[in-house]
Amino acid sequence: MAGTGGAPRPEVVVRQDALLGEGPTWDAAEGRLIWVDILACRVHTWDPATGRRTVRATEQHVGAAKPRANGGLVVNLRDGVGLYDEDGSFSWLHHDPVPGRRGNDAAVAPDGALWAGTMAYDEHAGGGTLTRIAPDGTATTVLPEVTISNGTGWSPDGRLMYYADTPTRRIDVFDVRGAEVTGRRTLAEIEEGAGLPDGLTVDADGCVWVALWDGGAVRRYTPDGRLDRTVALPASRVTACAFGGAGLRDLYVTTARTGIAPGAQPLAGALLVLPDVGQGLAQPPFAG
């Protein structure tokens, strides 16, 4: 295994027992981190400058929450994608309820569209999708019949999209133009026993950082698929990662407590950070 020497020590940002912490996102306009607890129906924020935290309850399981260009949040819920305005009022942008299915991870593309993943509650094969939601709510199914739609990110020039359908054990890469993806190929495959690929982010060097569910680590892969770095974490169910903070140098990592025996892994469910671990890319807000 490559790149483990000199790895930074993870620090605890928020010690909590998130059932399924997910989707850390740096909100540059507000100088805060946003993340969700999917199964608890909660959207969290934390301001590193002041220590201020907020918690918003949602009426449905919430797979992801991202900042909007004009304020408020876009959220990937059980029954579709919705909008919260700054005053807390809610409206559906794309209402698409499917029995037994919920929203999962999501990401904002360089053009300001939301790419929203779904999965079946029973995790059956082909029960999920990846859909591009334009700012006006127009929905285009990009990938049908995925199983657990998870990490999605773009290369620094916006020409490549990286994607993890978790049970495949792969991080795939596509050529992307608007809502069209072509040329699917494997960037990296996670070996048996090392966990499963969950959320991911792309750094300024074009390298892909991926969280390993049941792997207790994040990994960094170079654009040619070489394993460059592994950082161990004090929780086995690592769910997602994103750069944030001053200069986008800190990697924030979410974890989950669901399925962990009571009393085991005291930091399972916590929000963690790897300080000054690399250089992140500025992430655009949702344009809708």
C-alpha atoms as a PDB file:
ATOM      1  CA  MET A   1       0.000   0.000   0.000  1.00  0.00           C
ATOM      2  CA  ALA A   2       1.371   3.398  -0.988  1.00  0.00           C
ATOM      3  CA  GLY A   3       1.658   6.743   0.671  1.00  0.00           C
ATOM      4  CA  THR A   4       0.910   5.965   4.316  1.00  0.00           C
ATOM      5  CA  GLY A   5       4.088   7.529   5.723  1.00  0.00           C
ATOM      6  CA  GLY A   6       3.697  10.913   7.348  1.00  0.00           C
ATOM      7  CA  ALA A   7      -0.087  10.834   7.216  1.00  0.00           C
ATOM      8  CA  PRO A   8      -1.775  13.596   9.222  1.00  0.00           C
ATOM      9  CA  ARG A   9      -3.548  12.770  12.447  1.00  0.00           C
ATOM     10  CA  PRO A  10      -7.315  13.066  12.205  1.00  0.00           C
ATOM     11  CA  GLU A  11      -8.965  15.518  14.560  1.00  0.00           C
ATOM     12  CA  VAL A  12     -12.535  15.526  15.859  1.00  0.00           C
ATOM     13  CA  VAL A  13     -14.592  18.478  14.654  1.00  0.00           C
ATOM     14  CA  VAL A  14     -17.989  17.465  16.033  1.00  0.00           C
ATOM     15  CA  ARG A  15     -18.315  14.473  18.333  1.00  0.00           C
ATOM     16  CA  GLN A  16     -21.751  13.034  17.680  1.00  0.00           C
ATOM     17  CA  ASP A  17     -23.413   9.689  17.067  1.00  0.00           C
ATOM     18  CA  ALA A  18     -24.608  10.295  13.525  1.00  0.00           C
ATOM     19  CA  LEU A  19     -26.460   7.234  12.309  1.00  0.00           C
ATOM     20  CA  LEU A  20     -25.364   7.868   8.740  1.00  0.00           C
ATOM     21  CA  GLY A  21     -23.284  11.023   8.485  1.00  0.00           C
ATOM     22  CA  GLU A  22     -22.747  11.925   4.828  1.00  0.00           C
ATOM     23  CA  GLY A  23     -22.013  14.527   2.198  1.00  0.00           C
ATOM     24  CA  PRO A  24     -19.650  17.139   3.700  1.00  0.00           C
ATOM     25  CA  THR A  25     -19.706  20.280   1.554  1.00  0.00           C
ATOM     26  CA  TRP A  26     -17.856  23.557   2.023  1.00  0.00           C
ATOM     27  CA  ASP A  27     -20.170  26.549   1.695  1.00  0.00           C
ATOM     28  CA  ALA A  28     -17.711  29.256   0.625  1.00  0.00           C
ATOM     29  CA  ALA A  29     -20.230  32.096   0.750  1.00  0.00           C
ATOM     30  CA  GLU A  30     -21.040  31.418   4.414  1.00  0.00           C
ATOM     31  CA  GLY A  31     -17.640  30.051   5.486  1.00  0.00           C
ATOM     32  CA  ARG A  32     -19.155  26.898   6.909  1.00  0.00           C
ATOM     33  CA  LEU A  33     -19.338  23.161   6.421  1.00  0.00           C
ATOM     34  CA  ILE A  34     -22.647  21.471   5.579  1.00  0.00           C
ATOM     35  CA  TRP A  35     -23.296  17.765   6.071  1.00  0.00           C
ATOM     36  CA  VAL A  36     -26.242  15.450   6.688  1.00  0.00           C
ATOM     37  CA  ASP A  37     -27.306  12.543   8.857  1.00  0.00           C
ATOM     38  CA  ILE A  38     -29.398  10.645   6.326  1.00  0.00           C
ATOM     39  CA  LEU A  39     -31.329   8.332   8.630  1.00  0.00           C
ATOM     40  CA  ALA A  40     -31.892  10.939  11.352  1.00  0.00           C
ATOM     41  CA  CYS A  41     -33.344  13.410   8.786  1.00  0.00           C
ATOM     42  CA  ARG A  42     -30.945  16.164   9.812  1.00  0.00           C
ATOM     43  CA  VAL A  43     -28.883  18.799   7.983  1.00  0.00           C
ATOM     44  CA  HIS A  44     -25.942  20.104  10.039  1.00  0.00           C
ATOM     45  CA  THR A  45     -23.725  23.146   9.603  1.00  0.00           C
ATOM     46  CA  TRP A  46     -20.549  24.192  11.409  1.00  0.00           C
ATOM     47  CA  ASP A  47     -18.569  27.429  11.185  1.00  0.00           C
ATOM     48  CA  PRO A  48     -14.877  26.800  12.020  1.00  0.00           C
ATOM     49  CA  ALA A  49     -14.235  30.496  12.675  1.00  0.00           C
ATOM     50  CA  THR A  50     -16.897  30.843  15.378  1.00  0.00           C
ATOM     51  CA  GLY A  51     -17.733  27.256  16.320  1.00  0.00           C
ATOM     52  CA  ARG A  52     -21.396  27.984  15.599  1.00  0.00           C
ATOM     53  CA  ARG A  53     -23.505  24.942  14.743  1.00  0.00           C
ATOM     54  CA  THR A  54     -27.010  24.630  13.341  1.00  0.00           C
ATOM     55  CA  VAL A  55     -29.269  21.626  12.860  1.00  0.00           C
ATOM     56  CA  ARG A  56     -32.254  21.556  10.502  1.00  0.00           C
ATOM     57  CA  ALA A  57     -34.779  18.711  10.597  1.00  0.00           C
ATOM     58  CA  THR A  58     -36.178  17.444   7.306  1.00  0.00           C
ATOM     59  CA  GLU A  59     -39.440  15.556   6.895  1.00  0.00           C
ATOM     60  CA  GLN A  60     -37.785  12.780   4.902  1.00  0.00           C
ATOM     61  CA  HIS A  61     -34.463  10.985   4.797  1.00  0.00           C
ATOM     62  CA  VAL A  62     -31.953  13.443   3.323  1.00  0.00           C
ATOM     63  CA  GLY A  63     -29.109  12.083   1.207  1.00  0.00           C
ATOM     64  CA  ALA A  64     -27.343  15.382   0.545  1.00  0.00           C
ATOM     65  CA  ALA A  65     -27.602  19.137   1.102  1.00  0.00           C
ATOM     66  CA  LYS A  66     -25.753  21.735  -0.986  1.00  0.00           C
ATOM     67  CA  PRO A  67     -25.640  25.536  -0.913  1.00  0.00           C
ATOM     68  CA  ARG A  68     -27.566  27.536  -3.526  1.00  0.00           C
ATOM     69  CA  ALA A  69     -26.179  30.521  -5.399  1.00  0.00           C
ATOM     70  CA  ASN A  70     -28.889  32.846  -4.073  1.00  0.00           C
ATOM     71  CA  GLY A  71     -28.934  31.470  -0.535  1.00  0.00           C
ATOM     72  CA  GLY A  72     -30.622  28.493   1.039  1.00  0.00           C
ATOM     73  CA  LEU A  73     -30.085  24.816   0.310  1.00  0.00           C
ATOM     74  CA  VAL A  74     -30.892  22.208  -2.307  1.00  0.00           C
ATOM     75  CA  VAL A  75     -31.587  18.798  -0.735  1.00  0.00           C
ATOM     76  CA  ASN A  76     -31.761  15.265  -2.123  1.00  0.00           C
ATOM     77  CA  LEU A  77     -34.660  13.704  -0.241  1.00  0.00           C
ATOM     78  CA  ARG A  78     -36.517  10.398  -0.279  1.00  0.00           C
ATOM     79  CA  ASP A  79     -39.050  11.580  -2.838  1.00  0.00           C
ATOM     80  CA  GLY A  80     -36.934  13.886  -4.990  1.00  0.00           C
ATOM     81  CA  VAL A  81     -34.973  17.109  -4.933  1.00  0.00           C
ATOM     82  CA  GLY A  82     -36.250  20.111  -2.992  1.00  0.00           C
ATOM     83  CA  LEU A  83     -35.264  23.676  -2.146  1.00  0.00           C
ATOM     84  CA  TYR A  84     -35.019  25.451   1.188  1.00  0.00           C
ATOM     85  CA  ASP A  85     -35.078  29.227   0.998  1.00  0.00           C
ATOM     86  CA  GLU A  86     -33.169  31.318   3.506  1.00  0.00           C
ATOM     87  CA  ASP A  87     -36.354  31.845   5.538  1.00  0.00           C
ATOM     88  CA  GLY A  88     -36.756  28.060   5.897  1.00  0.00           C
ATOM     89  CA  SER A  89     -39.632  27.680   3.453  1.00  0.00           C
ATOM     90  CA  PHE A  90     -39.566  24.510   1.335  1.00  0.00           C
ATOM     91  CA  SER A  91     -40.620  23.676  -2.217  1.00  0.00           C
ATOM     92  CA  TRP A  92     -40.098  20.719  -4.519  1.00  0.00           C
ATOM     93  CA  LEU A  93     -37.862  21.259  -7.525  1.00  0.00           C
ATOM     94  CA  HIS A  94     -38.116  17.692  -8.857  1.00  0.00           C
ATOM     95  CA  HIS A  95     -40.733  15.535  -7.137  1.00  0.00           C
ATOM     96  CA  ASP A  96     -40.255  11.901  -8.150  1.00  0.00           C
ATOM     97  CA  PRO A  97     -41.410   9.483  -5.422  1.00  0.00           C
ATOM     98  CA  VAL A  98     -40.678   5.799  -6.046  1.00  0.00           C
ATOM     99  CA  PRO A  99     -41.790   3.307  -3.378  1.00  0.00           C
ATOM    100  CA  GLY A 100     -38.834   1.735  -1.619  1.00  0.00           C
ATOM    101  CA  ARG A 101     -36.295   4.259  -2.951  1.00  0.00           C
ATOM    102  CA  ARG A 102     -34.548   7.291  -1.460  1.00  0.00           C
ATOM    103  CA  GLY A 103     -32.089   9.977  -2.405  1.00  0.00           C
ATOM    104  CA  ASN A 104     -28.440   9.344  -1.593  1.00  0.00           C
ATOM    105  CA  ASP A 105     -25.231  11.219  -2.357  1.00  0.00           C
ATOM    106  CA  ALA A 106     -25.282  14.218  -4.726  1.00  0.00           C
ATOM    107  CA  ALA A 107     -22.822  16.733  -6.156  1.00  0.00           C
ATOM    108  CA  VAL A 108     -22.915  20.058  -7.982  1.00  0.00           C
ATOM    109  CA  ALA A 109     -21.274  20.062 -11.412  1.00  0.00           C
ATOM    110  CA  PRO A 110     -19.101  22.921 -12.691  1.00  0.00           C
ATOM    111  CA  ASP A 111     -22.110  24.308 -14.604  1.00  0.00           C
ATOM    112  CA  GLY A 112     -24.193  24.573 -11.407  1.00  0.00           C
ATOM    113  CA  ALA A 113     -26.471  21.565 -12.041  1.00  0.00           C
ATOM    114  CA  LEU A 114     -27.097  19.004  -9.301  1.00  0.00           C
ATOM    115  CA  TRP A 115     -26.269  15.370 -10.018  1.00  0.00           C
ATOM    116  CA  ALA A 116     -28.457  13.465  -7.576  1.00  0.00           C
ATOM    117  CA  GLY A 117     -28.137   9.757  -6.823  1.00  0.00           C
ATOM    118  CA  THR A 118     -30.746   7.349  -5.506  1.00  0.00           C
ATOM    119  CA  MET A 119     -30.805   3.811  -4.116  1.00  0.00           C
ATOM    120  CA  ALA A 120     -33.355   1.240  -2.997  1.00  0.00           C
ATOM    121  CA  TYR A 121     -33.787   0.842   0.750  1.00  0.00           C
ATOM    122  CA  ASP A 122     -33.173  -2.896   0.375  1.00  0.00           C
ATOM    123  CA  GLU A 123     -30.116  -2.144  -1.804  1.00  0.00           C
ATOM    124  CA  HIS A 124     -31.277  -4.458  -4.589  1.00  0.00           C
ATOM    125  CA  ALA A 125     -29.235  -4.374  -7.791  1.00  0.00           C
ATOM    126  CA  GLY A 126     -30.335  -1.748 -10.294  1.00  0.00           C
ATOM    127  CA  GLY A 127     -32.682  -0.034  -7.831  1.00  0.00           C
ATOM    128  CA  GLY A 128     -31.041   3.382  -8.096  1.00  0.00           C
ATOM    129  CA  THR A 129     -30.228   6.087 -10.618  1.00  0.00           C
ATOM    130  CA  LEU A 130     -28.001   9.100 -11.188  1.00  0.00           C
ATOM    131  CA  THR A 131     -29.985  12.081 -12.449  1.00  0.00           C
ATOM    132  CA  ARG A 132     -28.891  15.556 -13.520  1.00  0.00           C
ATOM    133  CA  ILE A 133     -31.200  18.259 -12.138  1.00  0.00           C
ATOM    134  CA  ALA A 134     -30.865  21.539 -14.020  1.00  0.00           C
ATOM    135  CA  PRO A 135     -31.406  24.834 -12.160  1.00  0.00           C
ATOM    136  CA  ASP A 136     -34.935  25.043 -13.622  1.00  0.00           C
ATOM    137  CA  GLY A 137     -35.786  21.535 -12.370  1.00  0.00           C
ATOM    138  CA  THR A 138     -35.399  19.726 -15.686  1.00  0.00           C
ATOM    139  CA  ALA A 139     -34.347  16.158 -14.884  1.00  0.00           C
ATOM    140  CA  THR A 140     -32.190  13.966 -17.135  1.00  0.00           C
ATOM    141  CA  THR A 141     -31.419  10.405 -16.096  1.00  0.00           C
ATOM    142  CA  VAL A 142     -27.699  10.018 -16.691  1.00  0.00           C
ATOM    143  CA  LEU A 143     -27.201   6.493 -15.323  1.00  0.00           C
ATOM    144  CA  PRO A 144     -30.201   4.154 -14.910  1.00  0.00           C
ATOM    145  CA  GLU A 145     -30.142   0.925 -12.936  1.00  0.00           C
ATOM    146  CA  VAL A 146     -27.263   1.595 -10.567  1.00  0.00           C
ATOM    147  CA  THR A 147     -27.356   0.022  -7.122  1.00  0.00           C
ATOM    148  CA  ILE A 148     -26.004   2.479  -4.519  1.00  0.00           C
ATOM    149  CA  SER A 149     -25.248   5.783  -6.242  1.00  0.00           C
ATOM    150  CA  ASN A 150     -22.471   7.418  -4.264  1.00  0.00           C
ATOM    151  CA  GLY A 151     -19.437   9.633  -4.859  1.00  0.00           C
ATOM    152  CA  THR A 152     -19.523  11.961  -7.865  1.00  0.00           C
ATOM    153  CA  GLY A 153     -16.872  14.535  -8.790  1.00  0.00           C
ATOM    154  CA  TRP A 154     -15.276  16.335 -11.733  1.00  0.00           C
ATOM    155  CA  SER A 155     -11.712  16.849 -12.890  1.00  0.00           C
ATOM    156  CA  PRO A 156     -10.284  20.374 -12.545  1.00  0.00           C
ATOM    157  CA  ASP A 157     -11.004  21.112 -16.225  1.00  0.00           C
ATOM    158  CA  GLY A 158     -14.551  19.705 -15.976  1.00  0.00           C
ATOM    159  CA  ARG A 159     -14.021  17.214 -18.800  1.00  0.00           C
ATOM    160  CA  LEU A 160     -14.008  14.048 -16.680  1.00  0.00           C
ATOM    161  CA  MET A 161     -16.530  12.776 -14.140  1.00  0.00           C
ATOM    162  CA  TYR A 162     -15.604  10.287 -11.410  1.00  0.00           C
ATOM    163  CA  TYR A 163     -18.280   8.054  -9.953  1.00  0.00           C
ATOM    164  CA  ALA A 164     -18.752   5.216  -7.455  1.00  0.00           C
ATOM    165  CA  ASP A 165     -21.628   2.740  -7.553  1.00  0.00           C
ATOM    166  CA  THR A 166     -20.563   1.256  -4.239  1.00  0.00           C
ATOM    167  CA  PRO A 167     -21.178  -2.507  -4.681  1.00  0.00           C
ATOM    168  CA  THR A 168     -19.091  -2.564  -7.880  1.00  0.00           C
ATOM    169  CA  ARG A 169     -16.009  -1.835  -5.716  1.00  0.00           C
ATOM    170  CA  ARG A 170     -14.865   0.565  -8.473  1.00  0.00           C
ATOM    171  CA  ILE A 171     -14.244   4.229  -9.013  1.00  0.00           C
ATOM    172  CA  ASP A 172     -15.215   4.800 -12.637  1.00  0.00           C
ATOM    173  CA  VAL A 173     -14.362   7.713 -14.888  1.00  0.00           C
ATOM    174  CA  PHE A 174     -16.406   9.134 -17.765  1.00  0.00           C
ATOM    175  CA  ASP A 175     -15.952  11.746 -20.419  1.00  0.00           C
ATOM    176  CA  VAL A 176     -18.646  14.313 -19.737  1.00  0.00           C
ATOM    177  CA  ARG A 177     -20.340  17.035 -21.752  1.00  0.00           C
ATOM    178  CA  GLY A 178     -23.396  18.648 -20.216  1.00  0.00           C
ATOM    179  CA  ALA A 179     -25.727  15.816 -19.225  1.00  0.00           C
ATOM    180  CA  GLU A 180     -24.016  13.280 -21.489  1.00  0.00           C
ATOM    181  CA  VAL A 181     -21.443  10.813 -20.136  1.00  0.00           C
ATOM    182  CA  THR A 182     -19.494   8.455 -22.388  1.00  0.00           C
ATOM    183  CA  GLY A 183     -16.442   6.219 -22.384  1.00  0.00           C
ATOM    184  CA  ARG A 184     -16.977   4.613 -19.003  1.00  0.00           C
ATOM    185  CA  ARG A 185     -13.806   2.964 -17.717  1.00  0.00           C
ATOM    186  CA  THR A 186     -12.304   1.968 -14.382  1.00  0.00           C
ATOM    187  CA  LEU A 187      -9.997   4.389 -12.593  1.00  0.00           C
ATOM    188  CA  ALA A 188      -9.418   2.099  -9.606  1.00  0.00           C
ATOM    189  CA  GLU A 189     -10.862  -1.014  -8.007  1.00  0.00           C
ATOM    190  CA  ILE A 190     -10.907  -1.444  -4.234  1.00  0.00           C
ATOM    191  CA  GLU A 191      -9.521  -4.824  -3.277  1.00  0.00           C
ATOM    192  CA  GLU A 192     -11.425  -7.293  -1.106  1.00  0.00           C
ATOM    193  CA  GLY A 193     -11.050  -6.575   2.588  1.00  0.00           C
ATOM    194  CA  ALA A 194     -10.219  -2.889   2.160  1.00  0.00           C
ATOM    195  CA  GLY A 195     -13.786  -1.588   2.295  1.00  0.00           C
ATOM    196  CA  LEU A 196     -16.144  -0.222  -0.343  1.00  0.00           C
ATOM    197  CA  PRO A 197     -15.942   3.097  -2.230  1.00  0.00           C
ATOM    198  CA  ASP A 198     -18.393   5.660  -0.867  1.00  0.00           C
ATOM    199  CA  GLY A 199     -18.231   9.464  -1.230  1.00  0.00           C
ATOM    200  CA  LEU A 200     -15.382  11.118  -3.094  1.00  0.00           C
ATOM    201  CA  THR A 201     -13.853  14.471  -3.944  1.00  0.00           C
ATOM    202  CA  VAL A 202     -11.278  15.698  -6.465  1.00  0.00           C
ATOM    203  CA  ASP A 203      -8.341  17.896  -5.476  1.00  0.00           C
ATOM    204  CA  ALA A 204      -6.524  20.642  -7.378  1.00  0.00           C
ATOM    205  CA  ASP A 205      -4.018  18.109  -8.757  1.00  0.00           C
ATOM    206  CA  GLY A 206      -6.863  16.112 -10.291  1.00  0.00           C
ATOM    207  CA  CYS A 207      -6.429  13.300  -7.759  1.00  0.00           C
ATOM    208  CA  VAL A 208      -9.477  11.500  -6.373  1.00  0.00           C
ATOM    209  CA  TRP A 209      -9.951  11.129  -2.607  1.00  0.00           C
ATOM    210  CA  VAL A 210     -12.435   8.387  -1.711  1.00  0.00           C
ATOM    211  CA  ALA A 211     -13.970   7.328   1.614  1.00  0.00           C
ATOM    212  CA  LEU A 212     -13.933   3.589   2.307  1.00  0.00           C
ATOM    213  CA  TRP A 213     -17.079   2.215   3.945  1.00  0.00           C
ATOM    214  CA  ASP A 214     -16.059  -0.580   6.318  1.00  0.00           C
ATOM    215  CA  GLY A 215     -12.466   0.283   5.418  1.00  0.00           C
ATOM    216  CA  GLY A 216     -11.685   2.844   8.128  1.00  0.00           C
ATOM    217  CA  ALA A 217      -9.733   5.085   5.773  1.00  0.00           C
ATOM    218  CA  VAL A 218      -9.660   7.597   2.954  1.00  0.00           C
ATOM    219  CA  ARG A 219      -7.490   7.025  -0.102  1.00  0.00           C
ATOM    220  CA  ARG A 220      -6.050   9.300  -2.763  1.00  0.00           C
ATOM    221  CA  TYR A 221      -5.734   8.042  -6.338  1.00  0.00           C
ATOM    222  CA  THR A 222      -3.822   9.851  -9.063  1.00  0.00           C
ATOM    223  CA  PRO A 223      -5.519  10.621 -12.414  1.00  0.00           C
ATOM    224  CA  ASP A 224      -3.912   7.493 -13.883  1.00  0.00           C
ATOM    225  CA  GLY A 225      -5.418   5.322 -11.139  1.00  0.00           C
ATOM    226  CA  ARG A 226      -2.345   4.842  -8.956  1.00  0.00           C
ATOM    227  CA  LEU A 227      -2.912   4.579  -5.209  1.00  0.00           C
ATOM    228  CA  ASP A 228      -0.964   7.541  -3.882  1.00  0.00           C
ATOM    229  CA  ARG A 229      -1.962   7.842  -0.236  1.00  0.00           C
ATOM    230  CA  THR A 230      -3.965   6.090   2.489  1.00  0.00           C
ATOM    231  CA  VAL A 231      -4.995   7.763   5.742  1.00  0.00           C
ATOM    232  CA  ALA A 232      -6.435   5.563   8.500  1.00  0.00           C
ATOM    233  CA  LEU A 233      -9.338   6.918  10.553  1.00  0.00           C
ATOM    234  CA  PRO A 234     -10.751   5.997  13.986  1.00  0.00           C
ATOM    235  CA  ALA A 235     -14.090   4.732  12.610  1.00  0.00           C
ATOM    236  CA  SER A 236     -14.684   1.885  10.187  1.00  0.00           C
ATOM    237  CA  ARG A 237     -17.719   3.289   8.388  1.00  0.00           C
ATOM    238  CA  VAL A 238     -16.202   6.249   6.574  1.00  0.00           C
ATOM    239  CA  THR A 239     -18.776   7.763   4.232  1.00  0.00           C
ATOM    240  CA  ALA A 240     -17.538  10.878   2.403  1.00  0.00           C
ATOM    241  CA  CYS A 241     -14.897  13.607   2.285  1.00  0.00           C
ATOM    242  CA  ALA A 242     -14.576  17.201   1.070  1.00  0.00           C
ATOM    243  CA  PHE A 243     -12.010  19.984   1.236  1.00  0.00           C
ATOM    244  CA  GLY A 244     -12.883  23.126   3.167  1.00  0.00           C
ATOM    245  CA  GLY A 245     -11.633  25.757   5.568  1.00  0.00           C
ATOM    246  CA  ALA A 246      -9.210  28.588   4.864  1.00  0.00           C
ATOM    247  CA  GLY A 247      -7.581  27.982   1.501  1.00  0.00           C
ATOM    248  CA  LEU A 248      -9.433  24.672   1.061  1.00  0.00           C
ATOM    249  CA  ARG A 249      -6.532  22.818   2.703  1.00  0.00           C
ATOM    250  CA  ASP A 250      -8.446  20.723   5.252  1.00  0.00           C
ATOM    251  CA  LEU A 251     -10.204  17.471   4.357  1.00  0.00           C
ATOM    252  CA  TYR A 252     -13.449  16.991   6.278  1.00  0.00           C
ATOM    253  CA  VAL A 253     -14.665  13.415   6.657  1.00  0.00           C
ATOM    254  CA  THR A 254     -18.070  12.066   7.703  1.00  0.00           C
ATOM    255  CA  THR A 255     -18.637   8.719   9.403  1.00  0.00           C
ATOM    256  CA  ALA A 256     -21.570   6.508  10.429  1.00  0.00           C
ATOM    257  CA  ARG A 257     -22.623   4.676  13.579  1.00  0.00           C
ATOM    258  CA  THR A 258     -25.343   2.517  12.040  1.00  0.00           C
ATOM    259  CA  GLY A 259     -24.481  -1.165  12.350  1.00  0.00           C
ATOM    260  CA  ILE A 260     -21.715  -0.561  14.924  1.00  0.00           C
ATOM    261  CA  ALA A 261     -22.075  -2.427  18.212  1.00  0.00           C
ATOM    262  CA  PRO A 262     -22.971  -0.256  21.238  1.00  0.00           C
ATOM    263  CA  GLY A 263     -19.835   0.878  23.031  1.00  0.00           C
ATOM    264  CA  ALA A 264     -17.572   0.064  20.106  1.00  0.00           C
ATOM    265  CA  GLN A 265     -15.746   2.731  18.095  1.00  0.00           C
ATOM    266  CA  PRO A 266     -16.418   5.831  20.223  1.00  0.00           C
ATOM    267  CA  LEU A 267     -15.836   8.130  17.232  1.00  0.00           C
ATOM    268  CA  ALA A 268     -18.198   6.327  14.858  1.00  0.00           C
ATOM    269  CA  GLY A 269     -20.646   8.985  13.658  1.00  0.00           C
ATOM    270  CA  ALA A 270     -18.292  11.905  14.328  1.00  0.00           C
ATOM    271  CA  LEU A 271     -17.288  14.600  11.873  1.00  0.00           C
ATOM    272  CA  LEU A 272     -13.501  14.436  11.465  1.00  0.00           C
ATOM    273  CA  VAL A 273     -10.890  16.588   9.747  1.00  0.00           C
ATOM    274  CA  LEU A 274      -7.443  15.948   8.287  1.00  0.00           C
ATOM    275  CA  PRO A 275      -5.756  19.353   8.594  1.00  0.00           C
ATOM    276  CA  ASP A 276      -3.634  20.726   5.749  1.00  0.00           C
ATOM    277  CA  VAL A 277      -3.703  17.445   3.858  1.00  0.00           C
ATOM    278  CA  GLY A 278      -3.835  18.847   0.334  1.00  0.00           C
ATOM    279  CA  GLN A 279      -5.289  21.518  -1.936  1.00  0.00           C
ATOM    280  CA  GLY A 280      -8.978  21.336  -2.709  1.00  0.00           C
ATOM    281  CA  LEU A 281     -10.965  22.778  -5.595  1.00  0.00           C
ATOM    282  CA  ALA A 282     -13.604  25.451  -5.102  1.00  0.00           C
ATOM    283  CA  GLN A 283     -17.023  23.833  -5.410  1.00  0.00           C
ATOM    284  CA  PRO A 284     -19.804  25.774  -7.131  1.00  0.00           C
ATOM    285  CA  PRO A 285     -23.167  26.277  -5.448  1.00  0.00           C
ATOM    286  CA  PHE A 286     -26.321  24.943  -7.073  1.00  0.00           C
ATOM    287  CA  ALA A 287     -27.456  27.551  -9.589  1.00  0.00           C
ATOM    288  CA  GLY A 288     -31.189  27.042  -8.947  1.00  0.00           C
END
